[in-house]
Structures are given as structure tokens and as C-alpha cells.
Amino acid sequence: MDDQDKARKYRRIRLSLITETRNGEKEIVILTNLPKITVSAKRIAEIYRKRWSIEIMFQELEAHLHLEVNTLGYPKAALFSFCEALVAYNVLAVVKAALRVQHGEETIEKDIWRGI
């Protein structure tokens, strides 16, 4: 029920994972209001997976560059900060790629990024 006492319909989609999450979970449950007729469970899972690539991007920005995009009260300021974060991530991706080419993937992941 919503604020106006109108009934809402939701779908629960359960995903069995091949590889456990870092917390050891073997299943993920997604709750959505998208109707079955419009969007399949498989498509919802694909969209959810792409969302995590964005979440990981911000996690890397915060962890490696000690940046955090704080919520701003003005939409234009928030959009500007978001764009700055995207540019910063692109710079970070280029630096990581250059280091991988020069030193190899394993060395970079093990010795450089884990140590920060």
C-alpha cells in the first residue's frame, strides 16, 4: 500500500549465483515494480548487473583517489559533481590501463591497488 492506500504490485526475482559475492552469498533477490509483460526477469537481472559496474566505479574513485561525491542541494551542482566524478574515473582508468600494459595485470592488482 502506498501513501494514498493504493495497492502496489511488486515482483521478487531470485538469482542463483555461479560465484559467491564477497560476503559469501549464493543468491541475490531483486524487488521490482516492472510488470512481467513489459520486462523479463532476465532483462531485469542484466540491468541490475550493469548498475553494479557504476557502483564499483564510484567505489574505486573513493578508495584510490579519496574522492566522494557528496549529495548537493542544487540539481545543476549535483550534475556538475557527477560529471567531475566521471572525468576523474576516466583518468583513473587510463592510468590503470597504462600501468597494466607496462607491469602486467597481476602486479598492478596485487602490489599497487591493494596497498592503497
PDB file of N, CA and C in Angstrom:
ATOM      1  N   MET A   1       0.844  -1.181   0.000  1.00  0.00           N
ATOM      2  CA  MET A   1       0.000   0.000   0.000  1.00  0.00           C
ATOM      3  C   MET A   1       0.891   1.248   0.000  1.00  0.00           C
ATOM      4  N   ASP A   2       0.523   2.228  -0.792  1.00  0.00           N
ATOM      5  CA  ASP A   2       1.290   3.469  -0.815  1.00  0.00           C
ATOM      6  C   ASP A   2       0.678   4.501   0.128  1.00  0.00           C
ATOM      7  N   ASP A   3       1.122   5.743   0.044  1.00  0.00           N
ATOM      8  CA  ASP A   3       0.636   6.808   0.937  1.00  0.00           C
ATOM      9  C   ASP A   3      -0.856   7.087   0.788  1.00  0.00           C
ATOM     10  N   GLN A   4      -1.397   6.821  -0.388  1.00  0.00           N
ATOM     11  CA  GLN A   4      -2.820   7.061  -0.635  1.00  0.00           C
ATOM     12  C   GLN A   4      -3.635   5.774  -0.489  1.00  0.00           C
ATOM     13  N   ASP A   5      -3.084   4.782   0.197  1.00  0.00           N
ATOM     14  CA  ASP A   5      -3.740   3.478   0.413  1.00  0.00           C
ATOM     15  C   ASP A   5      -4.078   2.761  -0.890  1.00  0.00           C
ATOM     16  N   LYS A   6      -3.288   3.014  -1.919  1.00  0.00           N
ATOM     17  CA  LYS A   6      -3.459   2.311  -3.187  1.00  0.00           C
ATOM     18  C   LYS A   6      -2.530   1.101  -3.192  1.00  0.00           C
ATOM     19  N   ALA A   7      -3.070  -0.039  -3.571  1.00  0.00           N
ATOM     20  CA  ALA A   7      -2.274  -1.269  -3.593  1.00  0.00           C
ATOM     21  C   ALA A   7      -1.244  -1.200  -4.714  1.00  0.00           C
ATOM     22  N   ARG A   8      -0.044  -1.641  -4.415  1.00  0.00           N
ATOM     23  CA  ARG A   8       1.040  -1.690  -5.405  1.00  0.00           C
ATOM     24  C   ARG A   8       1.445  -3.144  -5.598  1.00  0.00           C
ATOM     25  N   LYS A   9       1.808  -3.477  -6.815  1.00  0.00           N
ATOM     26  CA  LYS A   9       2.220  -4.838  -7.131  1.00  0.00           C
ATOM     27  C   LYS A   9       3.714  -4.854  -7.420  1.00  0.00           C
ATOM     28  N   TYR A  10       4.428  -5.793  -6.794  1.00  0.00           N
ATOM     29  CA  TYR A  10       5.866  -5.922  -6.969  1.00  0.00           C
ATOM     30  C   TYR A  10       6.223  -7.352  -7.354  1.00  0.00           C
ATOM     31  N   ARG A  11       7.349  -7.493  -8.003  1.00  0.00           N
ATOM     32  CA  ARG A  11       7.877  -8.819  -8.357  1.00  0.00           C
ATOM     33  C   ARG A  11       9.144  -9.059  -7.571  1.00  0.00           C
ATOM     34  N   ARG A  12       9.318 -10.295  -7.169  1.00  0.00           N
ATOM     35  CA  ARG A  12      10.546 -10.714  -6.485  1.00  0.00           C
ATOM     36  C   ARG A  12      11.277 -11.662  -7.427  1.00  0.00           C
ATOM     37  N   ILE A  13      12.490 -11.279  -7.791  1.00  0.00           N
ATOM     38  CA  ILE A  13      13.289 -12.096  -8.707  1.00  0.00           C
ATOM     39  C   ILE A  13      14.482 -12.623  -7.928  1.00  0.00           C
ATOM     40  N   ARG A  14      14.640 -13.940  -7.921  1.00  0.00           N
ATOM     41  CA  ARG A  14      15.738 -14.566  -7.180  1.00  0.00           C
ATOM     42  C   ARG A  14      16.780 -15.067  -8.175  1.00  0.00           C
ATOM     43  N   LEU A  15      18.027 -14.635  -7.966  1.00  0.00           N
ATOM     44  CA  LEU A  15      19.121 -15.037  -8.838  1.00  0.00           C
ATOM     45  C   LEU A  15      20.042 -15.981  -8.087  1.00  0.00           C
ATOM     46  N   SER A  16      20.305 -17.134  -8.658  1.00  0.00           N
ATOM     47  CA  SER A  16      21.308 -18.052  -8.113  1.00  0.00           C
ATOM     48  C   SER A  16      22.631 -17.718  -8.767  1.00  0.00           C
ATOM     49  N   LEU A  17      23.642 -17.456  -7.956  1.00  0.00           N
ATOM     50  CA  LEU A  17      24.935 -17.015  -8.470  1.00  0.00           C
ATOM     51  C   LEU A  17      25.881 -18.176  -8.692  1.00  0.00           C
ATOM     52  N   ILE A  18      26.663 -18.107  -9.748  1.00  0.00           N
ATOM     53  CA  ILE A  18      27.702 -19.102 -10.009  1.00  0.00           C
ATOM     54  C   ILE A  18      28.854 -18.885  -9.039  1.00  0.00           C
ATOM     55  N   THR A  19      29.245 -17.625  -8.877  1.00  0.00           N
ATOM     56  CA  THR A  19      30.308 -17.248  -7.951  1.00  0.00           C
ATOM     57  C   THR A  19      29.688 -16.490  -6.787  1.00  0.00           C
ATOM     58  N   GLU A  20      30.071 -16.837  -5.586  1.00  0.00           N
ATOM     59  CA  GLU A  20      29.542 -16.166  -4.401  1.00  0.00           C
ATOM     60  C   GLU A  20      29.943 -14.699  -4.385  1.00  0.00           C
ATOM     61  N   THR A  21      29.134 -13.894  -3.708  1.00  0.00           N
ATOM     62  CA  THR A  21      29.504 -12.490  -3.511  1.00  0.00           C
ATOM     63  C   THR A  21      30.646 -12.433  -2.514  1.00  0.00           C
ATOM     64  N   ARG A  22      31.221 -11.246  -2.335  1.00  0.00           N
ATOM     65  CA  ARG A  22      32.321 -11.131  -1.383  1.00  0.00           C
ATOM     66  C   ARG A  22      31.869 -11.398   0.048  1.00  0.00           C
ATOM     67  N   ASN A  23      30.557 -11.360   0.285  1.00  0.00           N
ATOM     68  CA  ASN A  23      30.011 -11.682   1.608  1.00  0.00           C
ATOM     69  C   ASN A  23      29.608 -13.149   1.723  1.00  0.00           C
ATOM     70  N   GLY A  24      29.884 -13.931   0.681  1.00  0.00           N
ATOM     71  CA  GLY A  24      29.585 -15.360   0.707  1.00  0.00           C
ATOM     72  C   GLY A  24      28.157 -15.715   0.335  1.00  0.00           C
ATOM     73  N   GLU A  25      27.413 -14.778  -0.199  1.00  0.00           N
ATOM     74  CA  GLU A  25      26.027 -15.054  -0.584  1.00  0.00           C
ATOM     75  C   GLU A  25      25.985 -15.778  -1.911  1.00  0.00           C
ATOM     76  N   LYS A  26      25.086 -16.761  -1.999  1.00  0.00           N
ATOM     77  CA  LYS A  26      24.938 -17.541  -3.224  1.00  0.00           C
ATOM     78  C   LYS A  26      23.692 -17.144  -4.002  1.00  0.00           C
ATOM     79  N   GLU A  27      22.898 -16.257  -3.422  1.00  0.00           N
ATOM     80  CA  GLU A  27      21.669 -15.789  -4.049  1.00  0.00           C
ATOM     81  C   GLU A  27      21.522 -14.290  -3.869  1.00  0.00           C
ATOM     82  N   ILE A  28      20.899 -13.670  -4.851  1.00  0.00           N
ATOM     83  CA  ILE A  28      20.538 -12.258  -4.755  1.00  0.00           C
ATOM     84  C   ILE A  28      19.056 -12.169  -5.079  1.00  0.00           C
ATOM     85  N   VAL A  29      18.341 -11.345  -4.339  1.00  0.00           N
ATOM     86  CA  VAL A  29      16.921 -11.131  -4.593  1.00  0.00           C
ATOM     87  C   VAL A  29      16.729  -9.680  -5.020  1.00  0.00           C
ATOM     88  N   ILE A  30      16.005  -9.501  -6.130  1.00  0.00           N
ATOM     89  CA  ILE A  30      15.716  -8.172  -6.653  1.00  0.00           C
ATOM     90  C   ILE A  30      14.213  -7.945  -6.535  1.00  0.00           C
ATOM     91  N   LEU A  31      13.840  -6.813  -5.995  1.00  0.00           N
ATOM     92  CA  LEU A  31      12.437  -6.435  -5.879  1.00  0.00           C
ATOM     93  C   LEU A  31      12.183  -5.329  -6.887  1.00  0.00           C
ATOM     94  N   THR A  32      11.157  -5.501  -7.733  1.00  0.00           N
ATOM     95  CA  THR A  32      10.886  -4.515  -8.779  1.00  0.00           C
ATOM     96  C   THR A  32       9.393  -4.333  -8.958  1.00  0.00           C
ATOM     97  N   ASN A  33       9.028  -3.169  -9.471  1.00  0.00           N
ATOM     98  CA  ASN A  33       7.627  -2.915  -9.804  1.00  0.00           C
ATOM     99  C   ASN A  33       7.384  -3.019 -11.312  1.00  0.00           C
ATOM    100  N   LEU A  34       8.383  -3.449 -12.063  1.00  0.00           N
ATOM    101  CA  LEU A  34       8.234  -3.607 -13.508  1.00  0.00           C
ATOM    102  C   LEU A  34       7.381  -4.843 -13.807  1.00  0.00           C
ATOM    103  N   PRO A  35       6.333  -4.709 -14.620  1.00  0.00           N
ATOM    104  CA  PRO A  35       5.449  -5.843 -14.891  1.00  0.00           C
ATOM    105  C   PRO A  35       6.098  -6.901 -15.786  1.00  0.00           C
ATOM    106  N   LYS A  36       5.675  -8.153 -15.593  1.00  0.00           N
ATOM    107  CA  LYS A  36       6.203  -9.280 -16.385  1.00  0.00           C
ATOM    108  C   LYS A  36       5.996  -9.075 -17.878  1.00  0.00           C
ATOM    109  N   ILE A  37       4.885  -8.506 -18.231  1.00  0.00           N
ATOM    110  CA  ILE A  37       4.556  -8.309 -19.650  1.00  0.00           C
ATOM    111  C   ILE A  37       5.552  -7.363 -20.310  1.00  0.00           C
ATOM    112  N   THR A  38       6.013  -6.375 -19.561  1.00  0.00           N
ATOM    113  CA  THR A  38       6.905  -5.352 -20.111  1.00  0.00           C
ATOM    114  C   THR A  38       8.365  -5.777 -20.115  1.00  0.00           C
ATOM    115  N   VAL A  39       8.843  -6.349 -19.000  1.00  0.00           N
ATOM    116  CA  VAL A  39      10.262  -6.659 -18.852  1.00  0.00           C
ATOM    117  C   VAL A  39      10.421  -8.061 -18.257  1.00  0.00           C
ATOM    118  N   SER A  40      11.264  -8.870 -18.895  1.00  0.00           N
ATOM    119  CA  SER A  40      11.511 -10.220 -18.380  1.00  0.00           C
ATOM    120  C   SER A  40      12.440 -10.182 -17.173  1.00  0.00           C
ATOM    121  N   ALA A  41      12.408 -11.239 -16.392  1.00  0.00           N
ATOM    122  CA  ALA A  41      13.289 -11.348 -15.226  1.00  0.00           C
ATOM    123  C   ALA A  41      14.751 -11.321 -15.665  1.00  0.00           C
ATOM    124  N   LYS A  42      15.051 -11.938 -16.798  1.00  0.00           N
ATOM    125  CA  LYS A  42      16.418 -11.955 -17.311  1.00  0.00           C
ATOM    126  C   LYS A  42      16.902 -10.539 -17.620  1.00  0.00           C
ATOM    127  N   ARG A  43      16.043  -9.734 -18.230  1.00  0.00           N
ATOM    128  CA  ARG A  43      16.422  -8.356 -18.573  1.00  0.00           C
ATOM    129  C   ARG A  43      16.641  -7.517 -17.305  1.00  0.00           C
ATOM    130  N   ILE A  44      15.806  -7.720 -16.308  1.00  0.00           N
ATOM    131  CA  ILE A  44      15.965  -7.003 -15.047  1.00  0.00           C
ATOM    132  C   ILE A  44      17.300  -7.369 -14.411  1.00  0.00           C
ATOM    133  N   ALA A  45      17.661  -8.641 -14.452  1.00  0.00           N
ATOM    134  CA  ALA A  45      18.947  -9.076 -13.894  1.00  0.00           C
ATOM    135  C   ALA A  45      20.113  -8.442 -14.654  1.00  0.00           C
ATOM    136  N   GLU A  46      19.998  -8.336 -15.981  1.00  0.00           N
ATOM    137  CA  GLU A  46      21.052  -7.699 -16.784  1.00  0.00           C
ATOM    138  C   GLU A  46      21.206  -6.221 -16.417  1.00  0.00           C
ATOM    139  N   ILE A  47      20.083  -5.541 -16.250  1.00  0.00           N
ATOM    140  CA  ILE A  47      20.119  -4.121 -15.874  1.00  0.00           C
ATOM    141  C   ILE A  47      20.747  -3.970 -14.496  1.00  0.00           C
ATOM    142  N   TYR A  48      20.378  -4.836 -13.574  1.00  0.00           N
ATOM    143  CA  TYR A  48      20.925  -4.780 -12.212  1.00  0.00           C
ATOM    144  C   TYR A  48      22.439  -4.992 -12.228  1.00  0.00           C
ATOM    145  N   ARG A  49      22.886  -5.919 -13.072  1.00  0.00           N
ATOM    146  CA  ARG A  49      24.329  -6.191 -13.171  1.00  0.00           C
ATOM    147  C   ARG A  49      25.082  -4.955 -13.667  1.00  0.00           C
ATOM    148  N   LYS A  50      24.513  -4.253 -14.641  1.00  0.00           N
ATOM    149  CA  LYS A  50      25.154  -3.033 -15.142  1.00  0.00           C
ATOM    150  C   LYS A  50      25.202  -1.958 -14.069  1.00  0.00           C
ATOM    151  N   ARG A  51      24.200  -1.913 -13.224  1.00  0.00           N
ATOM    152  CA  ARG A  51      24.191  -0.939 -12.129  1.00  0.00           C
ATOM    153  C   ARG A  51      25.416  -1.105 -11.254  1.00  0.00           C
ATOM    154  N   TRP A  52      25.821  -2.344 -11.041  1.00  0.00           N
ATOM    155  CA  TRP A  52      26.963  -2.574 -10.155  1.00  0.00           C
ATOM    156  C   TRP A  52      28.269  -2.109 -10.758  1.00  0.00           C
ATOM    157  N   SER A  53      28.356  -2.055 -12.072  1.00  0.00           N
ATOM    158  CA  SER A  53      29.590  -1.516 -12.661  1.00  0.00           C
ATOM    159  C   SER A  53      29.715  -0.027 -12.332  1.00  0.00           C
ATOM    160  N   ILE A  54      28.588   0.673 -12.243  1.00  0.00           N
ATOM    161  CA  ILE A  54      28.608   2.080 -11.858  1.00  0.00           C
ATOM    162  C   ILE A  54      28.961   2.213 -10.377  1.00  0.00           C
ATOM    163  N   GLU A  55      28.384   1.348  -9.539  1.00  0.00           N
ATOM    164  CA  GLU A  55      28.691   1.370  -8.106  1.00  0.00           C
ATOM    165  C   GLU A  55      30.183   1.120  -7.876  1.00  0.00           C
ATOM    166  N   ILE A  56      30.751   0.175  -8.607  1.00  0.00           N
ATOM    167  CA  ILE A  56      32.173  -0.145  -8.468  1.00  0.00           C
ATOM    168  C   ILE A  56      33.022   1.040  -8.911  1.00  0.00           C
ATOM    169  N   MET A  57      32.573   1.743  -9.952  1.00  0.00           N
ATOM    170  CA  MET A  57      33.303   2.919 -10.408  1.00  0.00           C
ATOM    171  C   MET A  57      33.436   3.934  -9.273  1.00  0.00           C
ATOM    172  N   PHE A  58      32.329   4.239  -8.598  1.00  0.00           N
ATOM    173  CA  PHE A  58      32.388   5.212  -7.502  1.00  0.00           C
ATOM    174  C   PHE A  58      33.191   4.675  -6.319  1.00  0.00           C
ATOM    175  N   GLN A  59      33.129   3.377  -6.089  1.00  0.00           N
ATOM    176  CA  GLN A  59      33.923   2.784  -5.004  1.00  0.00           C
ATOM    177  C   GLN A  59      35.413   2.949  -5.303  1.00  0.00           C
ATOM    178  N   GLU A  60      35.810   2.722  -6.550  1.00  0.00           N
ATOM    179  CA  GLU A  60      37.214   2.887  -6.924  1.00  0.00           C
ATOM    180  C   GLU A  60      37.656   4.340  -6.796  1.00  0.00           C
ATOM    181  N   LEU A  61      36.794   5.266  -7.221  1.00  0.00           N
ATOM    182  CA  LEU A  61      37.137   6.680  -7.086  1.00  0.00           C
ATOM    183  C   LEU A  61      37.387   7.033  -5.633  1.00  0.00           C
ATOM    184  N   GLU A  62      36.522   6.583  -4.761  1.00  0.00           N
ATOM    185  CA  GLU A  62      36.660   6.912  -3.344  1.00  0.00           C
ATOM    186  C   GLU A  62      37.881   6.230  -2.741  1.00  0.00           C
ATOM    187  N   ALA A  63      38.099   4.972  -3.080  1.00  0.00           N
ATOM    188  CA  ALA A  63      39.193   4.214  -2.477  1.00  0.00           C
ATOM    189  C   ALA A  63      40.570   4.669  -2.970  1.00  0.00           C
ATOM    190  N   HIS A  64      40.718   4.867  -4.276  1.00  0.00           N
ATOM    191  CA  HIS A  64      42.031   5.172  -4.835  1.00  0.00           C
ATOM    192  C   HIS A  64      42.374   6.655  -4.804  1.00  0.00           C
ATOM    193  N   LEU A  65      41.379   7.478  -5.023  1.00  0.00           N
ATOM    194  CA  LEU A  65      41.645   8.908  -5.110  1.00  0.00           C
ATOM    195  C   LEU A  65      41.106   9.680  -3.906  1.00  0.00           C
ATOM    196  N   HIS A  66      40.496   8.955  -2.983  1.00  0.00           N
ATOM    197  CA  HIS A  66      39.922   9.562  -1.786  1.00  0.00           C
ATOM    198  C   HIS A  66      38.919  10.658  -2.152  1.00  0.00           C
ATOM    199  N   LEU A  67      38.108  10.353  -3.159  1.00  0.00           N
ATOM    200  CA  LEU A  67      37.056  11.266  -3.598  1.00  0.00           C
ATOM    201  C   LEU A  67      35.714  10.709  -3.167  1.00  0.00           C
ATOM    202  N   GLU A  68      34.819  11.588  -2.877  1.00  0.00           N
ATOM    203  CA  GLU A  68      33.456  11.167  -2.583  1.00  0.00           C
ATOM    204  C   GLU A  68      32.543  12.254  -3.106  1.00  0.00           C
ATOM    205  N   VAL A  69      31.572  11.846  -3.908  1.00  0.00           N
ATOM    206  CA  VAL A  69      30.622  12.812  -4.441  1.00  0.00           C
ATOM    207  C   VAL A  69      29.532  12.972  -3.393  1.00  0.00           C
ATOM    208  N   ASN A  70      29.531  14.100  -2.716  1.00  0.00           N
ATOM    209  CA  ASN A  70      28.512  14.361  -1.711  1.00  0.00           C
ATOM    210  C   ASN A  70      27.234  14.834  -2.389  1.00  0.00           C
ATOM    211  N   THR A  71      26.119  14.521  -1.788  1.00  0.00           N
ATOM    212  CA  THR A  71      24.845  14.968  -2.320  1.00  0.00           C
ATOM    213  C   THR A  71      24.767  16.480  -2.173  1.00  0.00           C
ATOM    214  N   LEU A  72      24.391  17.132  -3.230  1.00  0.00           N
ATOM    215  CA  LEU A  72      24.284  18.591  -3.226  1.00  0.00           C
ATOM    216  C   LEU A  72      22.822  18.980  -3.361  1.00  0.00           C
ATOM    217  N   GLY A  73      22.460  20.091  -2.764  1.00  0.00           N
ATOM    218  CA  GLY A  73      21.068  20.520  -2.746  1.00  0.00           C
ATOM    219  C   GLY A  73      20.549  21.092  -4.052  1.00  0.00           C
ATOM    220  N   TYR A  74      21.424  21.429  -4.962  1.00  0.00           N
ATOM    221  CA  TYR A  74      21.000  22.028  -6.223  1.00  0.00           C
ATOM    222  C   TYR A  74      21.229  21.031  -7.355  1.00  0.00           C
ATOM    223  N   PRO A  75      20.207  20.755  -8.152  1.00  0.00           N
ATOM    224  CA  PRO A  75      20.346  19.755  -9.225  1.00  0.00           C
ATOM    225  C   PRO A  75      21.498  20.034 -10.186  1.00  0.00           C
ATOM    226  N   LYS A  76      21.701  21.283 -10.575  1.00  0.00           N
ATOM    227  CA  LYS A  76      22.794  21.586 -11.505  1.00  0.00           C
ATOM    228  C   LYS A  76      24.154  21.341 -10.853  1.00  0.00           C
ATOM    229  N   ALA A  77      24.271  21.658  -9.565  1.00  0.00           N
ATOM    230  CA  ALA A  77      25.533  21.420  -8.854  1.00  0.00           C
ATOM    231  C   ALA A  77      25.778  19.923  -8.709  1.00  0.00           C
ATOM    232  N   ALA A  78      24.723  19.158  -8.424  1.00  0.00           N
ATOM    233  CA  ALA A  78      24.857  17.705  -8.302  1.00  0.00           C
ATOM    234  C   ALA A  78      25.263  17.099  -9.646  1.00  0.00           C
ATOM    235  N   LEU A  79      24.663  17.570 -10.723  1.00  0.00           N
ATOM    236  CA  LEU A  79      25.005  17.080 -12.059  1.00  0.00           C
ATOM    237  C   LEU A  79      26.456  17.417 -12.403  1.00  0.00           C
ATOM    238  N   PHE A  80      26.890  18.624 -12.060  1.00  0.00           N
ATOM    239  CA  PHE A  80      28.270  19.016 -12.305  1.00  0.00           C
ATOM    240  C   PHE A  80      29.235  18.115 -11.529  1.00  0.00           C
ATOM    241  N   SER A  81      28.926  17.849 -10.267  1.00  0.00           N
ATOM    242  CA  SER A  81      29.781  16.968  -9.454  1.00  0.00           C
ATOM    243  C   SER A  81      29.815  15.561 -10.019  1.00  0.00           C
ATOM    244  N   PHE A  82      28.681  15.086 -10.496  1.00  0.00           N
ATOM    245  CA  PHE A  82      28.630  13.762 -11.115  1.00  0.00           C
ATOM    246  C   PHE A  82      29.519  13.716 -12.347  1.00  0.00           C
ATOM    247  N   CYS A  83      29.461  14.756 -13.178  1.00  0.00           N
ATOM    248  CA  CYS A  83      30.308  14.814 -14.384  1.00  0.00           C
ATOM    249  C   CYS A  83      31.790  14.867 -14.010  1.00  0.00           C
ATOM    250  N   GLU A  84      32.122  15.609 -12.959  1.00  0.00           N
ATOM    251  CA  GLU A  84      33.512  15.639 -12.493  1.00  0.00           C
ATOM    252  C   GLU A  84      33.964  14.247 -12.069  1.00  0.00           C
ATOM    253  N   ALA A  85      33.096  13.520 -11.397  1.00  0.00           N
ATOM    254  CA  ALA A  85      33.433  12.162 -10.967  1.00  0.00           C
ATOM    255  C   ALA A  85      33.655  11.249 -12.166  1.00  0.00           C
ATOM    256  N   LEU A  86      32.844  11.397 -13.206  1.00  0.00           N
ATOM    257  CA  LEU A  86      33.032  10.581 -14.415  1.00  0.00           C
ATOM    258  C   LEU A  86      34.366  10.888 -15.092  1.00  0.00           C
ATOM    259  N   VAL A  87      34.718  12.156 -15.169  1.00  0.00           N
ATOM    260  CA  VAL A  87      36.008  12.532 -15.755  1.00  0.00           C
ATOM    261  C   VAL A  87      37.151  11.961 -14.916  1.00  0.00           C
ATOM    262  N   ALA A  88      37.030  12.071 -13.588  1.00  0.00           N
ATOM    263  CA  ALA A  88      38.067  11.526 -12.705  1.00  0.00           C
ATOM    264  C   ALA A  88      38.199  10.020 -12.888  1.00  0.00           C
ATOM    265  N   TYR A  89      37.086   9.325 -13.060  1.00  0.00           N
ATOM    266  CA  TYR A  89      37.144   7.881 -13.269  1.00  0.00           C
ATOM    267  C   TYR A  89      37.815   7.553 -14.597  1.00  0.00           C
ATOM    268  N   ASN A  90      37.529   8.326 -15.630  1.00  0.00           N
ATOM    269  CA  ASN A  90      38.182   8.094 -16.921  1.00  0.00           C
ATOM    270  C   ASN A  90      39.689   8.277 -16.815  1.00  0.00           C
ATOM    271  N   VAL A  91      40.125   9.287 -16.084  1.00  0.00           N
ATOM    272  CA  VAL A  91      41.564   9.495 -15.861  1.00  0.00           C
ATOM    273  C   VAL A  91      42.149   8.302 -15.114  1.00  0.00           C
ATOM    274  N   LEU A  92      41.464   7.854 -14.063  1.00  0.00           N
ATOM    275  CA  LEU A  92      41.918   6.692 -13.303  1.00  0.00           C
ATOM    276  C   LEU A  92      42.000   5.451 -14.189  1.00  0.00           C
ATOM    277  N   ALA A  93      41.011   5.245 -15.049  1.00  0.00           N
ATOM    278  CA  ALA A  93      41.012   4.079 -15.949  1.00  0.00           C
ATOM    279  C   ALA A  93      42.192   4.116 -16.910  1.00  0.00           C
ATOM    280  N   VAL A  94      42.537   5.295 -17.421  1.00  0.00           N
ATOM    281  CA  VAL A  94      43.676   5.423 -18.327  1.00  0.00           C
ATOM    282  C   VAL A  94      44.982   5.117 -17.587  1.00  0.00           C
ATOM    283  N   VAL A  95      45.122   5.644 -16.384  1.00  0.00           N
ATOM    284  CA  VAL A  95      46.335   5.379 -15.587  1.00  0.00           C
ATOM    285  C   VAL A  95      46.456   3.886 -15.293  1.00  0.00           C
ATOM    286  N   LYS A  96      45.356   3.260 -14.893  1.00  0.00           N
ATOM    287  CA  LYS A  96      45.385   1.816 -14.597  1.00  0.00           C
ATOM    288  C   LYS A  96      45.743   1.002 -15.841  1.00  0.00           C
ATOM    289  N   ALA A  97      45.184   1.381 -16.981  1.00  0.00           N
ATOM    290  CA  ALA A  97      45.475   0.662 -18.226  1.00  0.00           C
ATOM    291  C   ALA A  97      46.949   0.793 -18.591  1.00  0.00           C
ATOM    292  N   ALA A  98      47.492   1.994 -18.455  1.00  0.00           N
ATOM    293  CA  ALA A  98      48.908   2.206 -18.772  1.00  0.00           C
ATOM    294  C   ALA A  98      49.796   1.389 -17.835  1.00  0.00           C
ATOM    295  N   LEU A  99      49.447   1.343 -16.567  1.00  0.00           N
ATOM    296  CA  LEU A  99      50.232   0.550 -15.608  1.00  0.00           C
ATOM    297  C   LEU A  99      50.138  -0.950 -15.913  1.00  0.00           C
ATOM    298  N   ARG A 100      48.936  -1.408 -16.302  1.00  0.00           N
ATOM    299  CA  ARG A 100      48.774  -2.831 -16.645  1.00  0.00           C
ATOM    300  C   ARG A 100      49.616  -3.207 -17.850  1.00  0.00           C
ATOM    301  N   VAL A 101      49.659  -2.328 -18.846  1.00  0.00           N
ATOM    302  CA  VAL A 101      50.455  -2.597 -20.047  1.00  0.00           C
ATOM    303  C   VAL A 101      51.932  -2.690 -19.686  1.00  0.00           C
ATOM    304  N   GLN A 102      52.381  -1.788 -18.854  1.00  0.00           N
ATOM    305  CA  GLN A 102      53.789  -1.733 -18.508  1.00  0.00           C
ATOM    306  C   GLN A 102      54.213  -2.834 -17.535  1.00  0.00           C
ATOM    307  N   HIS A 103      53.373  -3.121 -16.517  1.00  0.00           N
ATOM    308  CA  HIS A 103      53.782  -4.020 -15.438  1.00  0.00           C
ATOM    309  C   HIS A 103      52.995  -5.317 -15.339  1.00  0.00           C
ATOM    310  N   GLY A 104      51.903  -5.449 -16.076  1.00  0.00           N
ATOM    311  CA  GLY A 104      51.085  -6.649 -16.025  1.00  0.00           C
ATOM    312  C   GLY A 104      49.945  -6.530 -15.026  1.00  0.00           C
ATOM    313  N   GLU A 105      48.844  -7.194 -15.354  1.00  0.00           N
ATOM    314  CA  GLU A 105      47.622  -7.130 -14.545  1.00  0.00           C
ATOM    315  C   GLU A 105      47.841  -7.580 -13.106  1.00  0.00           C
ATOM    316  N   GLU A 106      48.489  -8.721 -12.933  1.00  0.00           N
ATOM    317  CA  GLU A 106      48.652  -9.300 -11.598  1.00  0.00           C
ATOM    318  C   GLU A 106      49.469  -8.386 -10.680  1.00  0.00           C
ATOM    319  N   THR A 107      50.548  -7.838 -11.193  1.00  0.00           N
ATOM    320  CA  THR A 107      51.396  -6.954 -10.393  1.00  0.00           C
ATOM    321  C   THR A 107      50.630  -5.716  -9.944  1.00  0.00           C
ATOM    322  N   ILE A 108      49.874  -5.133 -10.844  1.00  0.00           N
ATOM    323  CA  ILE A 108      49.123  -3.918 -10.530  1.00  0.00           C
ATOM    324  C   ILE A 108      48.066  -4.204  -9.466  1.00  0.00           C
ATOM    325  N   GLU A 109      47.282  -5.256  -9.654  1.00  0.00           N
ATOM    326  CA  GLU A 109      46.221  -5.562  -8.700  1.00  0.00           C
ATOM    327  C   GLU A 109      46.779  -5.952  -7.335  1.00  0.00           C
ATOM    328  N   LYS A 110      47.837  -6.743  -7.328  1.00  0.00           N
ATOM    329  CA  LYS A 110      48.374  -7.252  -6.070  1.00  0.00           C
ATOM    330  C   LYS A 110      49.212  -6.216  -5.335  1.00  0.00           C
ATOM    331  N   ASP A 111      50.109  -5.558  -6.030  1.00  0.00           N
ATOM    332  CA  ASP A 111      51.097  -4.708  -5.362  1.00  0.00           C
ATOM    333  C   ASP A 111      50.708  -3.237  -5.262  1.00  0.00           C
ATOM    334  N   ILE A 112      49.990  -2.740  -6.228  1.00  0.00           N
ATOM    335  CA  ILE A 112      49.721  -1.301  -6.221  1.00  0.00           C
ATOM    336  C   ILE A 112      48.343  -0.966  -5.643  1.00  0.00           C
ATOM    337  N   TRP A 113      47.259  -1.446  -6.288  1.00  0.00           N
ATOM    338  CA  TRP A 113      45.922  -1.032  -5.845  1.00  0.00           C
ATOM    339  C   TRP A 113      45.547  -1.603  -4.491  1.00  0.00           C
ATOM    340  N   ARG A 114      46.008  -2.778  -4.156  1.00  0.00           N
ATOM    341  CA  ARG A 114      45.658  -3.365  -2.852  1.00  0.00           C
ATOM    342  C   ARG A 114      46.357  -2.643  -1.712  1.00  0.00           C
ATOM    343  N   GLY A 115      47.492  -2.024  -2.010  1.00  0.00           N
ATOM    344  CA  GLY A 115      48.253  -1.345  -0.976  1.00  0.00           C
ATOM    345  C   GLY A 115      47.739   0.040  -0.628  1.00  0.00           C
ATOM    346  N   ILE A 116      46.797   0.554  -1.444  1.00  0.00           N
ATOM    347  CA  ILE A 116      46.297   1.913  -1.193  1.00  0.00           C
ATOM    348  C   ILE A 116      45.193   1.864  -0.171  1.00  0.00           C
TER     349      ILE A 116
END
